[in-house]
Protein backbone atom coordinates (compact mmCIF):
# COMPACT_ATOMS: atom_id res chain seq x y z
CA MET A 1 -188.44 224.06 162.70
CA TYR A 2 -191.58 225.27 164.57
CA PHE A 3 -194.63 227.05 163.20
CA SER A 4 -196.93 229.46 165.09
CA ALA A 5 -200.04 228.27 163.25
CA PRO A 6 -201.08 224.94 161.74
CA ARG A 7 -200.31 224.52 158.06
CA HIS A 8 -201.32 221.86 155.57
CA PHE A 9 -198.55 219.46 154.39
CA GLU A 10 -198.79 217.03 151.51
CA TRP A 11 -196.47 214.08 150.76
CA VAL A 12 -194.45 214.24 147.52
CA GLU A 13 -191.93 211.96 145.73
CA THR A 14 -188.56 213.72 145.96
CA ASN A 15 -185.11 213.23 147.38
CA ARG A 16 -184.23 216.85 148.20
CA PHE A 17 -184.83 219.63 150.68
CA ALA A 18 -185.88 222.93 149.15
CA GLY A 19 -186.06 226.45 150.54
CA GLY A 20 -183.42 225.82 153.21
CA CYS A 21 -186.03 224.54 155.71
CA ALA A 22 -185.40 221.87 158.29
CA PRO A 23 -187.81 218.92 158.56
CA PRO A 24 -190.39 218.89 161.38
CA THR A 25 -188.97 216.33 163.81
CA PRO A 26 -189.84 214.10 165.44
CA ALA A 27 -192.59 212.98 163.03
CA PRO A 28 -195.15 212.05 165.75
CA LEU A 29 -194.85 215.54 167.29
CA ALA A 30 -195.14 217.15 163.89
CA ALA A 31 -198.30 215.18 163.09
CA GLU A 32 -199.80 216.14 166.43
CA ALA A 33 -198.81 219.78 166.12
CA PHE A 34 -200.53 220.19 162.77
CA GLY A 35 -203.69 218.33 163.62
CA GLY A 36 -202.96 215.30 161.49
CA ASN A 37 -202.75 217.30 158.26
CA LEU A 38 -199.72 215.25 157.14
CA PHE A 39 -199.49 212.63 154.42
CA TRP A 40 -196.71 210.06 154.03
CA SER A 41 -195.89 206.86 152.18
CA ALA A 42 -197.77 203.75 153.21
CA ASP A 43 -194.70 201.48 153.36
CA GLY A 44 -193.54 202.98 156.65
CA GLY A 45 -190.10 203.69 155.21
CA ARG A 46 -188.99 207.04 153.90
CA ARG A 47 -191.48 209.85 154.58
CA GLU A 48 -191.59 213.29 153.03
CA TRP A 49 -193.80 216.30 153.52
CA LYS A 50 -194.34 219.53 151.65
CA ASP A 51 -195.53 222.77 153.21
CA ALA A 52 -198.19 224.02 150.80
CA ALA A 53 -197.81 227.57 152.11
CA SER A 54 -194.01 227.93 151.92
CA SER A 55 -193.10 225.24 149.33
CA CYS A 56 -190.61 223.79 151.84
CA LYS A 57 -189.99 220.03 151.63
CA PHE A 58 -189.23 217.79 154.57
CA VAL A 59 -187.87 214.23 154.63
CA SER A 60 -187.97 211.95 157.64
CA PRO A 61 -184.93 209.85 158.56
CA MET A 62 -184.61 206.60 156.59
CA ASP A 63 -183.31 203.29 157.87
CA ALA A 64 -179.72 202.22 157.17
CA ASN A 65 -180.60 199.54 154.60
CA THR A 66 -182.62 202.00 152.52
CA LEU A 67 -179.79 204.51 152.74
CA PHE A 68 -177.23 201.96 151.52
CA SER A 69 -179.56 200.78 148.73
CA GLN A 70 -179.88 204.32 147.40
CA ALA A 71 -176.16 205.04 147.82
CA LEU A 72 -175.25 201.91 145.84
CA GLY A 73 -177.74 202.73 143.08
CA LEU A 74 -178.90 199.14 142.87
CA GLY A 75 -182.00 199.91 140.84
CA SER A 76 -185.15 197.85 140.78
CA GLY A 77 -185.11 194.22 141.81
CA TRP A 78 -182.26 194.43 144.32
CA LYS A 79 -182.02 195.91 147.80
CA VAL A 80 -179.84 195.89 150.90
CA VAL A 81 -181.44 193.59 153.46
CA ASN A 82 -178.85 193.72 156.21
CA SER A 83 -175.76 195.71 157.19
CA GLU A 84 -173.06 195.14 159.74
CA MET A 85 -170.32 197.58 160.74
CA ASP A 86 -167.20 196.60 162.62
CA VAL A 87 -166.03 199.96 163.99
CA ALA A 88 -162.89 198.59 165.61
CA GLY A 89 -161.90 196.72 162.44
CA ARG A 90 -163.07 199.59 160.19
CA GLN A 91 -165.11 197.24 158.04
CA LEU A 92 -168.63 197.42 156.65
CA ARG A 93 -170.50 194.45 155.22
CA LEU A 94 -173.74 194.77 153.26
CA TRP A 95 -176.03 191.87 152.37
CA LEU A 96 -177.98 192.23 149.11
CA ASP A 97 -180.97 190.22 147.95
CA PHE A 98 -183.48 190.23 145.12
CA GLU A 99 -187.25 190.47 145.29
CA PRO A 100 -189.10 187.14 145.62
CA GLY A 101 -190.49 185.94 142.32
CA SER A 102 -187.95 187.89 140.24
CA GLN A 103 -186.80 186.53 136.90
CA PHE A 104 -183.33 187.03 135.46
CA ALA A 105 -181.89 187.13 131.97
CA CYS A 106 -180.02 184.11 130.68
CA PRO A 107 -176.44 185.29 129.89
CA GLU A 108 -176.50 183.19 126.71
CA CYS A 109 -179.73 184.26 125.00
CA GLY A 110 -181.04 187.12 127.13
CA ASP A 111 -184.45 185.54 127.80
CA PHE A 112 -185.85 186.08 131.28
CA CYS A 113 -186.07 182.85 133.23
CA PRO A 114 -187.12 181.78 136.74
CA VAL A 115 -184.55 181.28 139.48
CA HIS A 116 -183.26 177.73 139.82
CA ASP A 117 -181.07 178.27 142.92
CA THR A 118 -178.59 180.78 144.33
CA VAL A 119 -174.91 180.92 145.19
CA GLU A 120 -173.32 183.38 147.61
CA LYS A 121 -170.77 185.80 146.13
CA LYS A 122 -168.69 188.62 147.64
CA TRP A 123 -167.26 191.82 146.14
CA ARG A 124 -164.94 194.55 147.41
CA HIS A 125 -166.59 197.97 147.03
CA LEU A 126 -165.41 201.55 147.47
CA ASP A 127 -164.92 202.43 151.11
CA PHE A 128 -167.86 203.93 152.98
CA TRP A 129 -166.61 206.61 155.42
CA GLN A 130 -163.10 205.12 155.37
CA HIS A 131 -164.50 201.68 156.22
CA ARG A 132 -163.49 198.79 153.95
CA THR A 133 -166.78 197.72 152.38
CA GLU A 134 -167.81 194.30 151.17
CA LEU A 135 -171.00 193.37 149.35
CA VAL A 136 -172.49 189.90 149.88
CA ALA A 137 -175.35 188.64 147.74
CA ARG A 138 -177.28 185.54 146.83
CA VAL A 139 -176.60 185.47 143.11
CA PRO A 140 -179.39 183.64 141.27
CA ARG A 141 -178.84 180.94 138.75
CA ALA A 142 -181.49 181.14 136.05
CA LEU A 143 -183.12 178.03 134.59
CA CYS A 144 -183.13 178.61 130.82
CA PRO A 145 -185.20 176.15 128.73
CA GLU A 146 -182.58 176.32 125.97
CA HIS A 147 -179.26 176.61 127.80
CA GLY A 148 -180.01 175.04 131.16
CA VAL A 149 -178.88 176.51 134.46
CA ARG A 150 -176.79 179.68 134.01
CA GLN A 151 -175.59 182.15 136.62
CA ALA A 152 -177.28 185.53 136.17
CA GLU A 153 -175.29 188.74 135.95
CA VAL A 154 -175.54 191.37 138.69
CA PRO A 155 -175.71 195.12 137.87
CA TRP A 156 -172.88 196.19 140.19
CA ALA A 157 -170.05 193.88 139.02
CA ARG A 158 -168.85 192.08 135.93
CA PRO A 159 -168.86 188.28 135.88
CA GLY A 160 -165.90 186.64 137.56
CA SER A 161 -164.64 189.78 139.28
CA GLY A 162 -164.19 190.11 143.02
CA PHE A 163 -164.55 193.90 142.76
CA THR A 164 -167.58 196.06 142.02
CA LEU A 165 -167.50 198.18 138.86
CA MET A 166 -166.92 201.33 140.88
CA MET A 167 -164.04 199.69 142.72
CA GLU A 168 -162.48 198.61 139.42
CA ALA A 169 -162.74 202.19 138.17
CA MET A 170 -160.85 203.32 141.27
CA VAL A 171 -158.19 200.64 140.68
CA LEU A 172 -157.57 201.88 137.13
CA LEU A 173 -157.53 205.50 138.25
CA LEU A 174 -154.84 204.75 140.84
CA CYS A 175 -152.81 202.57 138.46
CA GLN A 176 -152.65 205.43 135.96
CA GLN A 177 -151.02 207.63 138.60
CA MET A 178 -148.74 205.22 140.49
CA SER A 179 -147.19 201.77 140.32
CA VAL A 180 -149.47 198.78 140.66
CA SER A 181 -147.62 197.70 143.79
CA ALA A 182 -148.17 201.15 145.35
CA ALA A 183 -151.87 201.06 144.43
CA ALA A 184 -152.14 197.59 145.95
CA ARG A 185 -150.62 198.84 149.22
CA HIS A 186 -152.95 201.84 149.24
CA LEU A 187 -156.02 199.65 148.76
CA GLY A 188 -154.87 196.81 150.97
CA GLU A 189 -155.05 194.28 148.12
CA SER A 190 -152.58 191.98 146.41
CA ASP A 191 -151.01 193.30 143.22
CA LYS A 192 -152.13 190.15 141.38
CA ARG A 193 -155.79 191.14 141.84
CA LEU A 194 -155.08 194.63 140.50
CA TRP A 195 -153.15 193.27 137.52
CA ARG A 196 -156.15 191.07 136.65
CA VAL A 197 -158.41 194.14 136.62
CA THR A 198 -155.91 196.11 134.54
CA ASP A 199 -155.49 193.19 132.13
CA HIS A 200 -159.24 192.90 131.54
CA TYR A 201 -159.94 196.55 130.79
CA VAL A 202 -156.73 197.46 128.95
CA THR A 203 -156.82 194.37 126.72
CA LYS A 204 -160.49 194.98 125.91
CA ALA A 205 -159.96 198.69 125.19
CA HIS A 206 -156.85 198.09 123.08
CA ALA A 207 -158.66 195.46 121.00
CA ALA A 208 -161.54 197.90 120.41
CA LYS A 209 -159.33 200.85 119.42
CA SER A 210 -159.73 201.81 115.78
CA TRP A 211 -156.70 202.32 113.55
CA ARG A 212 -158.83 203.26 110.56
CA ASN A 213 -157.45 206.80 110.40
CA VAL A 214 -153.80 205.86 110.87
CA LYS A 215 -151.87 206.94 107.78
CA ARG A 216 -148.35 207.56 109.08
CA ILE A 217 -146.51 205.63 111.76
CA MET A 218 -143.32 205.90 113.81
CA ILE A 219 -141.19 202.89 114.70
CA ASP A 220 -138.54 202.91 117.40
CA GLU A 221 -137.01 200.69 120.04
CA THR A 222 -136.66 201.09 123.79
CA SER A 223 -135.13 199.02 126.54
CA ALA A 224 -137.38 196.68 128.50
CA LYS A 225 -134.91 195.36 131.04
CA ARG A 226 -131.22 195.36 131.71
CA GLY A 227 -129.07 193.11 129.60
CA HIS A 228 -129.90 194.52 126.14
CA ARG A 229 -133.51 193.40 126.18
CA TYR A 230 -135.45 195.65 123.83
CA VAL A 231 -139.01 196.16 122.67
CA THR A 232 -140.32 197.77 119.50
CA VAL A 233 -142.93 200.51 119.83
CA ILE A 234 -145.14 201.74 116.98
CA LEU A 235 -146.97 205.07 117.25
CA ASP A 236 -149.46 207.01 115.18
CA ALA A 237 -147.33 209.83 113.77
CA ASP A 238 -150.25 212.27 113.86
CA THR A 239 -151.92 211.56 117.23
CA HIS A 240 -148.80 210.11 118.94
CA ASP A 241 -150.91 207.28 120.40
CA LEU A 242 -149.06 204.08 121.20
CA LEU A 243 -150.52 201.51 118.80
CA LEU A 244 -148.46 198.40 119.44
CA MET A 245 -145.57 197.16 121.55
CA VAL A 246 -143.86 193.88 120.73
CA GLU A 247 -140.77 192.10 122.02
CA GLY A 248 -137.51 192.36 120.11
CA ARG A 249 -136.36 194.80 117.45
CA SER A 250 -136.45 192.70 114.28
CA ALA A 251 -138.38 192.72 111.03
CA GLN A 252 -140.83 190.38 112.73
CA ALA A 253 -141.97 193.28 114.93
CA VAL A 254 -143.08 195.17 111.80
CA ALA A 255 -144.78 192.02 110.54
CA GLN A 256 -146.77 191.72 113.77
CA PHE A 257 -148.08 195.26 113.36
CA ALA A 258 -149.15 194.57 109.77
CA ALA A 259 -150.88 191.37 110.90
CA ALA A 260 -152.73 193.20 113.70
CA MET A 261 -154.12 195.97 111.49
CA PRO A 262 -157.23 194.18 110.13
CA ALA A 263 -158.50 193.50 113.65
CA HIS A 264 -158.46 197.28 114.25
CA GLY A 265 -160.26 198.19 111.03
CA ALA A 266 -157.15 199.06 109.00
CA THR A 267 -154.98 197.57 106.28
CA PRO A 268 -151.24 197.91 105.48
CA GLU A 269 -152.13 199.67 102.21
CA LEU A 270 -153.35 202.71 104.19
CA ILE A 271 -149.87 203.52 105.51
CA THR A 272 -148.18 206.23 103.43
CA GLU A 273 -145.07 207.11 105.52
CA VAL A 274 -143.01 205.28 108.11
CA VAL A 275 -140.62 207.27 110.32
CA MET A 276 -137.74 205.25 111.78
CA ASP A 277 -134.00 204.97 112.17
CA MET A 278 -131.67 203.22 109.75
CA SER A 279 -132.02 199.80 111.34
CA PRO A 280 -131.62 197.17 108.58
CA ALA A 281 -134.21 194.99 110.30
CA PHE A 282 -136.83 197.75 110.34
CA ILE A 283 -136.04 198.70 106.74
CA ALA A 284 -136.49 195.10 105.62
CA GLY A 285 -139.74 194.76 107.57
CA VAL A 286 -141.23 197.94 106.09
CA GLN A 287 -140.18 197.09 102.54
CA SER A 288 -141.74 193.64 102.91
CA HIS A 289 -145.04 194.50 104.63
CA PHE A 290 -145.57 198.16 103.62
CA PRO A 291 -144.06 198.26 100.11
CA GLN A 292 -146.11 201.33 99.11
CA ALA A 293 -145.07 203.35 102.18
CA ARG A 294 -142.35 205.96 102.02
CA ILE A 295 -139.51 205.48 104.49
CA VAL A 296 -138.56 208.66 106.39
CA PHE A 297 -135.30 208.61 108.32
CA ASP A 298 -135.45 210.38 111.62
CA LEU A 299 -133.40 213.59 111.91
CA PHE A 300 -132.45 212.82 115.49
CA HIS A 301 -131.07 209.44 114.47
CA ILE A 302 -129.01 211.07 111.70
CA MET A 303 -127.56 213.52 114.20
CA LYS A 304 -126.87 210.67 116.59
CA LEU A 305 -124.78 209.02 113.86
CA ALA A 306 -122.92 212.32 113.42
CA GLY A 307 -122.37 212.54 117.17
CA ASP A 308 -121.00 208.99 117.18
CA ALA A 309 -118.58 209.91 114.37
CA LEU A 310 -117.38 212.92 116.38
CA ASP A 311 -116.91 210.74 119.44
CA ARG A 312 -114.79 208.26 117.50
CA VAL A 313 -112.55 211.12 116.32
CA ARG A 314 -112.16 212.22 119.96
CA LYS A 315 -111.26 208.69 121.08
CA ASP A 316 -108.70 208.35 118.26
CA LEU A 317 -107.02 211.57 119.40
CA ARG A 318 -106.86 210.34 122.98
CA ARG A 319 -105.22 207.11 121.86
CA GLN A 320 -102.66 209.25 120.04
CA GLY A 321 -101.85 211.07 123.28
CA ALA A 322 -104.04 214.18 123.09
CA ASP A 323 -104.92 215.68 126.49
CA LEU A 324 -108.73 215.87 126.36
CA THR A 325 -109.29 215.25 130.05
CA GLY A 326 -112.66 216.58 131.25
CA SER A 327 -113.76 217.69 127.78
CA LEU A 328 -116.27 214.94 127.02
CA TRP A 329 -119.45 216.90 127.76
CA SER A 330 -118.00 220.07 126.30
CA ILE A 331 -117.56 218.39 122.94
CA ARG A 332 -120.79 216.41 122.85
CA GLY A 333 -124.19 217.95 122.09
CA ASN A 334 -125.33 221.25 120.63
CA GLU A 335 -123.69 224.57 121.40
CA TRP A 336 -126.92 226.07 122.76
CA THR A 337 -127.16 223.32 125.38
CA ARG A 338 -123.63 223.91 126.74
CA THR A 339 -122.67 226.26 129.55
CA GLU A 340 -120.36 229.22 128.96
CA GLU A 341 -117.53 227.32 130.60
CA GLN A 342 -118.11 224.30 128.36
CA LEU A 343 -118.27 226.47 125.24
CA ALA A 344 -114.95 228.08 126.15
CA GLN A 345 -113.36 224.68 126.65
CA ARG A 346 -114.89 223.46 123.37
CA LYS A 347 -113.31 226.33 121.44
CA ALA A 348 -109.97 225.81 123.15
CA MET A 349 -109.94 222.09 122.27
CA ALA A 350 -110.87 222.83 118.64
CA LYS A 351 -108.01 225.37 118.43
CA SER A 352 -105.47 223.05 120.06
CA TYR A 353 -106.43 220.03 117.94
CA PRO A 354 -107.41 221.02 114.37
CA ILE A 355 -108.64 217.49 113.62
CA LEU A 356 -111.15 217.77 116.45
CA GLY A 357 -112.12 221.25 115.23
CA ARG A 358 -112.77 219.89 111.74
CA ALA A 359 -114.90 217.08 113.17
CA LEU A 360 -116.91 219.57 115.23
CA ALA A 361 -117.44 221.73 112.15
CA LEU A 362 -118.65 218.74 110.12
CA ARG A 363 -121.11 217.73 112.82
CA ASP A 364 -122.53 221.24 113.35
CA THR A 365 -122.71 222.01 109.63
CA LEU A 366 -124.66 218.83 108.92
CA GLN A 367 -127.23 219.91 111.49
CA ASP A 368 -127.53 223.32 109.84
CA VAL A 369 -127.95 222.04 106.27
CA LEU A 370 -130.57 219.48 107.35
CA LYS A 371 -132.45 222.21 109.18
CA ASP A 372 -132.39 224.46 106.10
CA GLY A 373 -133.42 221.59 103.83
CA ASP A 374 -131.32 222.82 100.92
CA LEU A 375 -130.52 219.81 98.73
CA PRO A 376 -127.39 221.27 97.03
CA SER A 377 -126.00 222.15 100.46
CA ILE A 378 -126.51 218.57 101.66
CA LYS A 379 -124.72 217.19 98.60
CA TRP A 380 -121.90 219.69 99.21
CA TRP A 381 -121.61 218.45 102.82
CA LEU A 382 -121.36 214.84 101.62
CA GLY A 383 -118.45 215.82 99.36
CA TRP A 384 -116.76 217.69 102.22
CA ALA A 385 -117.07 214.64 104.48
CA ASP A 386 -115.55 212.45 101.75
CA ARG A 387 -112.54 214.78 101.46
CA SER A 388 -112.16 215.33 105.22
CA ARG A 389 -109.64 212.47 105.73
CA LEU A 390 -111.62 211.64 108.90
CA GLN A 391 -112.57 208.00 108.56
CA PRO A 392 -115.65 208.13 110.87
CA PHE A 393 -117.16 210.97 108.81
CA ARG A 394 -116.29 209.33 105.51
CA LYS A 395 -118.16 206.27 106.75
CA LEU A 396 -121.09 208.48 107.78
CA SER A 397 -121.14 210.02 104.29
CA ARG A 398 -121.39 206.56 102.71
CA THR A 399 -124.22 205.62 105.07
CA LEU A 400 -126.20 208.75 104.24
CA LYS A 401 -125.71 208.21 100.49
CA GLU A 402 -126.99 204.63 100.80
CA HIS A 403 -130.13 205.89 102.56
CA PHE A 404 -130.50 209.16 100.68
CA HIS A 405 -134.13 208.40 99.72
CA GLY A 406 -135.09 208.46 103.39
CA ILE A 407 -133.27 211.75 103.94
CA LEU A 408 -135.08 213.30 100.98
CA ALA A 409 -138.36 212.09 102.48
CA TYR A 410 -137.48 213.85 105.72
CA LEU A 411 -136.71 217.10 103.88
CA GLU A 412 -140.14 216.98 102.24
CA THR A 413 -142.27 215.78 105.18
CA ARG A 414 -140.25 217.04 108.17
CA LEU A 415 -141.49 214.02 110.09
CA THR A 416 -139.34 212.99 113.05
CA ASN A 417 -139.48 210.57 115.93
CA ALA A 418 -139.43 213.44 118.43
CA ALA A 419 -142.84 212.36 119.74
CA ILE A 420 -141.43 208.94 120.53
CA GLU A 421 -138.93 210.55 122.88
CA ALA A 422 -141.85 211.99 124.86
CA VAL A 423 -143.64 208.65 124.77
CA ASN A 424 -140.44 206.93 125.90
CA GLY A 425 -140.73 208.98 129.07
CA LEU A 426 -144.21 207.53 129.58
CA LEU A 427 -142.84 204.07 128.84
CA GLN A 428 -140.18 204.47 131.49
CA MET A 429 -142.97 205.49 133.88
CA ALA A 430 -144.84 202.38 132.80
CA LYS A 431 -141.73 200.32 133.51
CA ARG A 432 -141.58 201.76 137.02
CA MET A 433 -145.34 201.22 137.37
CA ALA A 434 -144.83 197.56 136.45
CA ARG A 435 -141.61 197.22 138.43
CA GLY A 436 -141.15 193.68 139.47
CA PHE A 437 -143.35 192.72 136.52
CA ARG A 438 -143.21 189.01 136.04
CA ASN A 439 -143.30 189.06 132.26
CA PHE A 440 -143.42 191.33 129.22
CA HIS A 441 -147.23 191.20 129.19
CA TYR A 442 -147.45 193.32 132.35
CA PHE A 443 -145.03 195.90 130.93
CA ARG A 444 -147.13 196.14 127.77
CA LEU A 445 -150.34 196.57 129.79
CA ALA A 446 -148.79 199.42 131.75
CA ALA A 447 -147.51 201.01 128.51
CA TYR A 448 -150.91 200.88 126.82
CA LEU A 449 -152.55 202.31 129.96
CA LYS A 450 -150.04 205.19 130.05
CA ALA A 451 -149.51 206.00 126.37
CA GLY A 452 -152.27 204.28 124.40
CA ARG A 453 -155.00 206.85 125.11
CA LEU A 454 -157.53 204.03 125.43
CA ASN A 455 -161.24 204.40 126.04
CA LEU A 456 -161.61 202.33 129.21
CA ASP A 457 -165.19 201.16 129.66
CA VAL A 458 -165.54 201.81 133.38
CA PRO A 459 -168.00 203.91 135.43
CA HIS A 460 -167.10 207.53 136.06
CA ILE A 461 -166.08 208.15 139.65
CA LEU A 462 -167.58 211.44 140.79
CA PRO A 463 -165.62 213.50 143.34
CA THR A 464 -166.92 213.27 146.90
C-alpha cells in the first residue's frame, strides 16, 4: 500500500490487521518513505505498525520458528528453535526448547525445581499443511529436594504418550466415527497406538462418570462374538446411557454392577425399578443385590415369548403334514408390518388351519390387552390360553402367571427395554469398530465410546 504524503506510524502489540489495509512492504522502504516515523519491537522479530491517521495496522513477516511457536500455542517458557521440512517425504519436524534458567514443577509435589538434565522425546502432532508433523524436545528432569530427579511434564502432551493432546483429540474424534483399524490407516499409525489412546481416555472418563442420579436401570444381553458368547449391558432407563458392560449373562453380572456403584457415587439402595426379561439368572441377581427394587418385565420380551409359542404351533402343524410352504414371514410379526400379499396369505392360512388361526388370535389379543393395560382383560386372556388346548400357549400362560408381579409393574410404569434395542445398534457399530479386537476389553472400550455419553477430557479441535 502506498501513501501520497508521509504519515506517523506507531508500534502496537496486536496479532491482527484492521481496516482491510495491507502492510507497507518491504519494511526498509516503508521506513525510508515515511522519514523514519516508524516504531517496532526491539527484538528484531515480529514488527507491527499502526497508522495514526487511518487506524490501519500493519505486521511485518515473522520467521518460521516464531510462526510455529504461535501456531502450537506453547505459552511462556517454550519455543520452537528449529524446523525442518521434507517436501518430498511430506514431513515436518519441529525442535522445541525451554528458556535457559527455567525451573519446572516436580510432578510429585508441584514445587518448582532447577533442571537436573534433559532427555529427548518425540510426539506425533496434527498435520501442518498435509505434512506429517513431529515435535522433538529436550524434556527437562527436575531435581526436587524431596523426591529426587523427576521428569517434568510438558504442556502439549500427557506423560507417556507419543501423541500431542491435539493429536489424541483427533484420534478419538475419528474412532467415534469409524473403526479403529480404519482410523489407523487414515492416520498412518498402528491400531495398537490408537487403542492405547482410546483406553486411557475412555477408562478415565467412565471411572469419573457419576451414577448419583440413576434410579431406574435396564438389563439386557447381546452377542459379543459367534458361538453363543454374550455380554450383559446395563443402561440408565431415563437417560439411556450405557453404564456397564460385563461378560456373560449370569447373576454375577448384576453383582458386578452393584459392586461398581459406590465408585460412581451411588448405592444399590437408590435403584427403584429394574427393567429386564424373564431370565432366571437376572431375576436372582436383582433379588439378591437390589431387594428393594421393583422388577419390570419388558413388553417386547413378553411378545417374543408369544411369538415363540405361535412358531411352535406352526412347526407342529408342519410335522402333521400341513402345507405352510412360504408362509413363515406372513405368520410372524405384527399385521401392520406385513405387506398386503403377506396379510392375504396370513388370512388364508388361518382359514385353512383353524388351530393356526386360534394361535394367531391368542398372540394378537395378548398384544392388545397389554397395550390397553386392563387387568381384568389380561386375566381373561390367561384363562383363554389355559382352555385353548394349544400346549405352547398353555405353557406361556403358566410363565406369565409365575411372573405376574413383573407384568403388573409394566402396566403401572410402562417401562420397556425399547431403548436397549437402539443402543444395541450402537453396540453392533462398536463391534464393527473393534473388529479384530483381541479381547473383550477392546469391545467394551468401543461400546463406552459409542453409547456411554462420556465426558472425554481432551482439547477441542476447532475447524480449519
